[in-house]
């Protein structure tokens, strides 16, 4: 399953690194695509959107699930 979030406060490479690390805390090895220009984060091969969202929030960002 693919999960996608809008993360408006993801603005730089550091943000991408922090969000990717946070996602990998709950979904080790899951492919993460983060695009700062569109503020989109996509995670493939995961089913638990709530756990991913919580990890991104814990990293200091404000994700919104895109359905």
PDB file of N, CA and C in Angstrom:
ATOM      1  N   UNK A   1       0.836  -1.189   0.000  1.00  0.00           N
ATOM      2  CA  UNK A   1       0.000   0.000   0.000  1.00  0.00           C
ATOM      3  C   UNK A   1       0.876   1.245   0.000  1.00  0.00           C
ATOM      4  N   UNK A   2       0.412   2.277  -0.649  1.00  0.00           N
ATOM      5  CA  UNK A   2       1.124   3.554  -0.682  1.00  0.00           C
ATOM      6  C   UNK A   2       0.356   4.562   0.161  1.00  0.00           C
ATOM      7  N   UNK A   3       1.091   5.282   0.997  1.00  0.00           N
ATOM      8  CA  UNK A   3       0.503   6.324   1.837  1.00  0.00           C
ATOM      9  C   UNK A   3       1.161   7.645   1.459  1.00  0.00           C
ATOM     10  N   UNK A   4       0.343   8.689   1.331  1.00  0.00           N
ATOM     11  CA  UNK A   4       0.882  10.000   0.949  1.00  0.00           C
ATOM     12  C   UNK A   4       0.403  11.070   1.934  1.00  0.00           C
ATOM     13  N   UNK A   5       1.340  11.940   2.290  1.00  0.00           N
ATOM     14  CA  UNK A   5       1.049  13.049   3.189  1.00  0.00           C
ATOM     15  C   UNK A   5       1.448  14.366   2.545  1.00  0.00           C
ATOM     16  N   UNK A   6       0.713  15.408   2.885  1.00  0.00           N
ATOM     17  CA  UNK A   6       1.141  16.774   2.627  1.00  0.00           C
ATOM     18  C   UNK A   6       1.793  17.254   3.916  1.00  0.00           C
ATOM     19  N   UNK A   7       3.008  17.791   3.783  1.00  0.00           N
ATOM     20  CA  UNK A   7       3.739  18.278   4.963  1.00  0.00           C
ATOM     21  C   UNK A   7       4.194  19.707   4.642  1.00  0.00           C
ATOM     22  N   UNK A   8       3.314  20.699   4.887  1.00  0.00           N
ATOM     23  CA  UNK A   8       3.601  22.077   4.470  1.00  0.00           C
ATOM     24  C   UNK A   8       4.862  22.674   5.072  1.00  0.00           C
ATOM     25  N   UNK A   9       5.270  22.197   6.246  1.00  0.00           N
ATOM     26  CA  UNK A   9       6.467  22.760   6.875  1.00  0.00           C
ATOM     27  C   UNK A   9       7.733  21.984   6.537  1.00  0.00           C
ATOM     28  N   UNK A  10       7.696  21.109   5.534  1.00  0.00           N
ATOM     29  CA  UNK A  10       8.897  20.437   5.010  1.00  0.00           C
ATOM     30  C   UNK A  10       9.444  21.335   3.896  1.00  0.00           C
ATOM     31  N   UNK A  11      10.542  22.031   4.182  1.00  0.00           N
ATOM     32  CA  UNK A  11      11.015  23.051   3.245  1.00  0.00           C
ATOM     33  C   UNK A  11      12.451  22.881   2.761  1.00  0.00           C
ATOM     34  N   UNK A  12      13.183  21.888   3.302  1.00  0.00           N
ATOM     35  CA  UNK A  12      14.593  21.789   2.930  1.00  0.00           C
ATOM     36  C   UNK A  12      15.085  20.347   3.037  1.00  0.00           C
ATOM     37  N   UNK A  13      16.317  20.144   2.662  1.00  0.00           N
ATOM     38  CA  UNK A  13      16.919  18.825   2.712  1.00  0.00           C
ATOM     39  C   UNK A  13      16.994  18.260   4.121  1.00  0.00           C
ATOM     40  N   UNK A  14      17.229  19.120   5.097  1.00  0.00           N
ATOM     41  CA  UNK A  14      17.254  18.659   6.485  1.00  0.00           C
ATOM     42  C   UNK A  14      15.884  18.100   6.885  1.00  0.00           C
ATOM     43  N   UNK A  15      14.830  18.789   6.467  1.00  0.00           N
ATOM     44  CA  UNK A  15      13.470  18.322   6.751  1.00  0.00           C
ATOM     45  C   UNK A  15      13.245  16.941   6.144  1.00  0.00           C
ATOM     46  N   UNK A  16      13.657  16.779   4.900  1.00  0.00           N
ATOM     47  CA  UNK A  16      13.509  15.491   4.212  1.00  0.00           C
ATOM     48  C   UNK A  16      14.233  14.397   4.988  1.00  0.00           C
ATOM     49  N   UNK A  17      15.458  14.673   5.402  1.00  0.00           N
ATOM     50  CA  UNK A  17      16.239  13.692   6.163  1.00  0.00           C
ATOM     51  C   UNK A  17      15.562  13.340   7.482  1.00  0.00           C
ATOM     52  N   UNK A  18      15.066  14.344   8.180  1.00  0.00           N
ATOM     53  CA  UNK A  18      14.422  14.115   9.471  1.00  0.00           C
ATOM     54  C   UNK A  18      13.142  13.304   9.312  1.00  0.00           C
ATOM     55  N   UNK A  19      12.353  13.622   8.310  1.00  0.00           N
ATOM     56  CA  UNK A  19      11.102  12.908   8.071  1.00  0.00           C
ATOM     57  C   UNK A  19      11.387  11.477   7.624  1.00  0.00           C
ATOM     58  N   UNK A  20      12.344  11.303   6.748  1.00  0.00           N
ATOM     59  CA  UNK A  20      12.701   9.957   6.286  1.00  0.00           C
ATOM     60  C   UNK A  20      13.172   9.104   7.462  1.00  0.00           C
ATOM     61  N   UNK A  21      14.014   9.658   8.320  1.00  0.00           N
ATOM     62  CA  UNK A  21      14.492   8.925   9.497  1.00  0.00           C
ATOM     63  C   UNK A  21      13.327   8.566  10.421  1.00  0.00           C
ATOM     64  N   UNK A  22      12.393   9.492  10.594  1.00  0.00           N
ATOM     65  CA  UNK A  22      11.242   9.235  11.454  1.00  0.00           C
ATOM     66  C   UNK A  22      10.384   8.107  10.892  1.00  0.00           C
ATOM     67  N   UNK A  23      10.152   8.119   9.589  1.00  0.00           N
ATOM     68  CA  UNK A  23       9.374   7.057   8.953  1.00  0.00           C
ATOM     69  C   UNK A  23      10.073   5.715   9.119  1.00  0.00           C
ATOM     70  N   UNK A  24      11.384   5.706   8.932  1.00  0.00           N
ATOM     71  CA  UNK A  24      12.136   4.461   9.045  1.00  0.00           C
ATOM     72  C   UNK A  24      12.170   3.922  10.480  1.00  0.00           C
ATOM     73  N   UNK A  25      11.876   4.763  11.465  1.00  0.00           N
ATOM     74  CA  UNK A  25      11.771   4.285  12.852  1.00  0.00           C
ATOM     75  C   UNK A  25      10.603   3.318  12.995  1.00  0.00           C
ATOM     76  N   UNK A  26       9.516   3.567  12.272  1.00  0.00           N
ATOM     77  CA  UNK A  26       8.324   2.710  12.388  1.00  0.00           C
ATOM     78  C   UNK A  26       8.146   1.770  11.201  1.00  0.00           C
ATOM     79  N   UNK A  27       8.828   2.072  10.097  1.00  0.00           N
ATOM     80  CA  UNK A  27       8.737   1.232   8.900  1.00  0.00           C
ATOM     81  C   UNK A  27      10.127   1.081   8.290  1.00  0.00           C
ATOM     82  N   UNK A  28      10.994   0.302   8.957  1.00  0.00           N
ATOM     83  CA  UNK A  28      12.374   0.164   8.482  1.00  0.00           C
ATOM     84  C   UNK A  28      12.430  -0.331   7.035  1.00  0.00           C
ATOM     85  N   UNK A  29      13.209   0.370   6.251  1.00  0.00           N
ATOM     86  CA  UNK A  29      13.423  -0.035   4.865  1.00  0.00           C
ATOM     87  C   UNK A  29      12.332   0.351   3.893  1.00  0.00           C
ATOM     88  N   UNK A  30      11.256   0.950   4.368  1.00  0.00           N
ATOM     89  CA  UNK A  30      10.183   1.353   3.453  1.00  0.00           C
ATOM     90  C   UNK A  30      10.684   2.462   2.527  1.00  0.00           C
ATOM     91  N   UNK A  31      10.387   2.364   1.231  1.00  0.00           N
ATOM     92  CA  UNK A  31      10.781   3.432   0.312  1.00  0.00           C
ATOM     93  C   UNK A  31      10.029   4.730   0.634  1.00  0.00           C
ATOM     94  N   UNK A  32      10.781   5.810   0.813  1.00  0.00           N
ATOM     95  CA  UNK A  32      10.206   7.112   1.133  1.00  0.00           C
ATOM     96  C   UNK A  32      10.599   8.089   0.035  1.00  0.00           C
ATOM     97  N   UNK A  33       9.615   8.783  -0.511  1.00  0.00           N
ATOM     98  CA  UNK A  33       9.866   9.840  -1.493  1.00  0.00           C
ATOM     99  C   UNK A  33       9.356  11.143  -0.892  1.00  0.00           C
ATOM    100  N   UNK A  34      10.226  12.132  -0.792  1.00  0.00           N
ATOM    101  CA  UNK A  34       9.844  13.423  -0.231  1.00  0.00           C
ATOM    102  C   UNK A  34      10.251  14.524  -1.202  1.00  0.00           C
ATOM    103  N   UNK A  35       9.287  15.359  -1.577  1.00  0.00           N
ATOM    104  CA  UNK A  35       9.522  16.429  -2.544  1.00  0.00           C
ATOM    105  C   UNK A  35       9.196  17.759  -1.869  1.00  0.00           C
ATOM    106  N   UNK A  36      10.235  18.557  -1.633  1.00  0.00           N
ATOM    107  CA  UNK A  36      10.021  19.819  -0.915  1.00  0.00           C
ATOM    108  C   UNK A  36       9.187  20.807  -1.719  1.00  0.00           C
ATOM    109  N   UNK A  37       9.323  20.813  -3.029  1.00  0.00           N
ATOM    110  CA  UNK A  37       8.585  21.770  -3.856  1.00  0.00           C
ATOM    111  C   UNK A  37       7.073  21.598  -3.725  1.00  0.00           C
ATOM    112  N   UNK A  38       6.625  20.354  -3.613  1.00  0.00           N
ATOM    113  CA  UNK A  38       5.187  20.086  -3.498  1.00  0.00           C
ATOM    114  C   UNK A  38       4.773  19.769  -2.061  1.00  0.00           C
ATOM    115  N   UNK A  39       5.764  19.665  -1.167  1.00  0.00           N
ATOM    116  CA  UNK A  39       5.522  19.344   0.248  1.00  0.00           C
ATOM    117  C   UNK A  39       4.829  17.991   0.400  1.00  0.00           C
ATOM    118  N   UNK A  40       5.178  17.047  -0.473  1.00  0.00           N
ATOM    119  CA  UNK A  40       4.559  15.724  -0.447  1.00  0.00           C
ATOM    120  C   UNK A  40       5.557  14.670   0.020  1.00  0.00           C
ATOM    121  N   UNK A  41       5.079  13.773   0.855  1.00  0.00           N
ATOM    122  CA  UNK A  41       5.859  12.625   1.309  1.00  0.00           C
ATOM    123  C   UNK A  41       5.044  11.382   0.971  1.00  0.00           C
ATOM    124  N   UNK A  42       5.664  10.455   0.252  1.00  0.00           N
ATOM    125  CA  UNK A  42       5.015   9.209  -0.129  1.00  0.00           C
ATOM    126  C   UNK A  42       5.820   8.048   0.425  1.00  0.00           C
ATOM    127  N   UNK A  43       5.121   7.114   1.054  1.00  0.00           N
ATOM    128  CA  UNK A  43       5.759   5.935   1.624  1.00  0.00           C
ATOM    129  C   UNK A  43       5.105   4.717   0.993  1.00  0.00           C
ATOM    130  N   UNK A  44       5.909   3.833   0.417  1.00  0.00           N
ATOM    131  CA  UNK A  44       5.400   2.617  -0.211  1.00  0.00           C
ATOM    132  C   UNK A  44       5.556   1.424   0.723  1.00  0.00           C
ATOM    133  N   UNK A  45       4.657   0.462   0.564  1.00  0.00           N
ATOM    134  CA  UNK A  45       4.796  -0.805   1.272  1.00  0.00           C
ATOM    135  C   UNK A  45       4.433  -0.773   2.739  1.00  0.00           C
ATOM    136  N   UNK A  46       3.596   0.170   3.142  1.00  0.00           N
ATOM    137  CA  UNK A  46       3.170   0.255   4.543  1.00  0.00           C
ATOM    138  C   UNK A  46       1.642   0.334   4.609  1.00  0.00           C
ATOM    139  N   UNK A  47       1.092  -0.061   5.755  1.00  0.00           N
ATOM    140  CA  UNK A  47      -0.359  -0.044   5.916  1.00  0.00           C
ATOM    141  C   UNK A  47      -0.838   0.849   7.053  1.00  0.00           C
ATOM    142  N   UNK A  48       0.043   1.202   7.973  1.00  0.00           N
ATOM    143  CA  UNK A  48      -0.374   1.909   9.185  1.00  0.00           C
ATOM    144  C   UNK A  48      -0.119   3.408   9.062  1.00  0.00           C
ATOM    145  N   UNK A  49      -1.072   4.111   8.457  1.00  0.00           N
ATOM    146  CA  UNK A  49      -0.926   5.555   8.252  1.00  0.00           C
ATOM    147  C   UNK A  49      -0.815   6.297   9.581  1.00  0.00           C
ATOM    148  N   UNK A  50      -1.536   5.832  10.593  1.00  0.00           N
ATOM    149  CA  UNK A  50      -1.507   6.514  11.895  1.00  0.00           C
ATOM    150  C   UNK A  50      -0.123   6.462  12.525  1.00  0.00           C
ATOM    151  N   UNK A  51       0.548   5.327  12.417  1.00  0.00           N
ATOM    152  CA  UNK A  51       1.895   5.202  12.986  1.00  0.00           C
ATOM    153  C   UNK A  51       2.885   6.089  12.237  1.00  0.00           C
ATOM    154  N   UNK A  52       2.757   6.142  10.915  1.00  0.00           N
ATOM    155  CA  UNK A  52       3.633   6.998  10.111  1.00  0.00           C
ATOM    156  C   UNK A  52       3.381   8.460  10.452  1.00  0.00           C
ATOM    157  N   UNK A  53       2.108   8.830  10.523  1.00  0.00           N
ATOM    158  CA  UNK A  53       1.759  10.213  10.862  1.00  0.00           C
ATOM    159  C   UNK A  53       2.306  10.593  12.235  1.00  0.00           C
ATOM    160  N   UNK A  54       2.159   9.715  13.212  1.00  0.00           N
ATOM    161  CA  UNK A  54       2.663   9.987  14.559  1.00  0.00           C
ATOM    162  C   UNK A  54       4.178  10.163  14.563  1.00  0.00           C
ATOM    163  N   UNK A  55       4.879   9.372  13.774  1.00  0.00           N
ATOM    164  CA  UNK A  55       6.338   9.485  13.698  1.00  0.00           C
ATOM    165  C   UNK A  55       6.746  10.826  13.103  1.00  0.00           C
ATOM    166  N   UNK A  56       6.033  11.268  12.073  1.00  0.00           N
ATOM    167  CA  UNK A  56       6.353  12.559  11.447  1.00  0.00           C
ATOM    168  C   UNK A  56       6.047  13.702  12.417  1.00  0.00           C
ATOM    169  N   UNK A  57       4.941  13.595  13.141  1.00  0.00           N
ATOM    170  CA  UNK A  57       4.606  14.611  14.149  1.00  0.00           C
ATOM    171  C   UNK A  57       5.678  14.648  15.236  1.00  0.00           C
ATOM    172  N   UNK A  58       6.129  13.484  15.678  1.00  0.00           N
ATOM    173  CA  UNK A  58       7.163  13.415  16.717  1.00  0.00           C
ATOM    174  C   UNK A  58       8.472  14.040  16.247  1.00  0.00           C
ATOM    175  N   UNK A  59       8.698  14.039  14.927  1.00  0.00           N
ATOM    176  CA  UNK A  59       9.902  14.675  14.371  1.00  0.00           C
ATOM    177  C   UNK A  59       9.740  16.191  14.266  1.00  0.00           C
ATOM    178  N   UNK A  60       8.537  16.712  14.573  1.00  0.00           N
ATOM    179  CA  UNK A  60       8.338  18.156  14.604  1.00  0.00           C
ATOM    180  C   UNK A  60       7.615  18.734  13.401  1.00  0.00           C
ATOM    181  N   UNK A  61       6.936  17.898  12.634  1.00  0.00           N
ATOM    182  CA  UNK A  61       6.269  18.368  11.412  1.00  0.00           C
ATOM    183  C   UNK A  61       4.764  18.144  11.507  1.00  0.00           C
ATOM    184  N   UNK A  62       4.020  18.745  10.581  1.00  0.00           N
ATOM    185  CA  UNK A  62       2.561  18.678  10.611  1.00  0.00           C
ATOM    186  C   UNK A  62       2.022  18.006   9.351  1.00  0.00           C
ATOM    187  N   UNK A  63       2.033  16.677   9.343  1.00  0.00           N
ATOM    188  CA  UNK A  63       1.543  15.957   8.155  1.00  0.00           C
ATOM    189  C   UNK A  63       0.019  15.935   8.090  1.00  0.00           C
ATOM    190  N   UNK A  64      -0.485  15.925   6.847  1.00  0.00           N
ATOM    191  CA  UNK A  64      -1.916  15.734   6.604  1.00  0.00           C
ATOM    192  C   UNK A  64      -2.039  14.605   5.596  1.00  0.00           C
ATOM    193  N   UNK A  65      -2.765  13.576   5.964  1.00  0.00           N
ATOM    194  CA  UNK A  65      -2.950  12.423   5.091  1.00  0.00           C
ATOM    195  C   UNK A  65      -3.713  12.841   3.842  1.00  0.00           C
ATOM    196  N   UNK A  66      -3.207  12.425   2.696  1.00  0.00           N
ATOM    197  CA  UNK A  66      -3.876  12.674   1.424  1.00  0.00           C
ATOM    198  C   UNK A  66      -4.597  11.388   1.041  1.00  0.00           C
ATOM    199  N   UNK A  67      -5.899  11.497   0.839  1.00  0.00           N
ATOM    200  CA  UNK A  67      -6.677  10.300   0.509  1.00  0.00           C
ATOM    201  C   UNK A  67      -6.987  10.224  -0.957  1.00  0.00           C
TER     202      UNK A  67
END
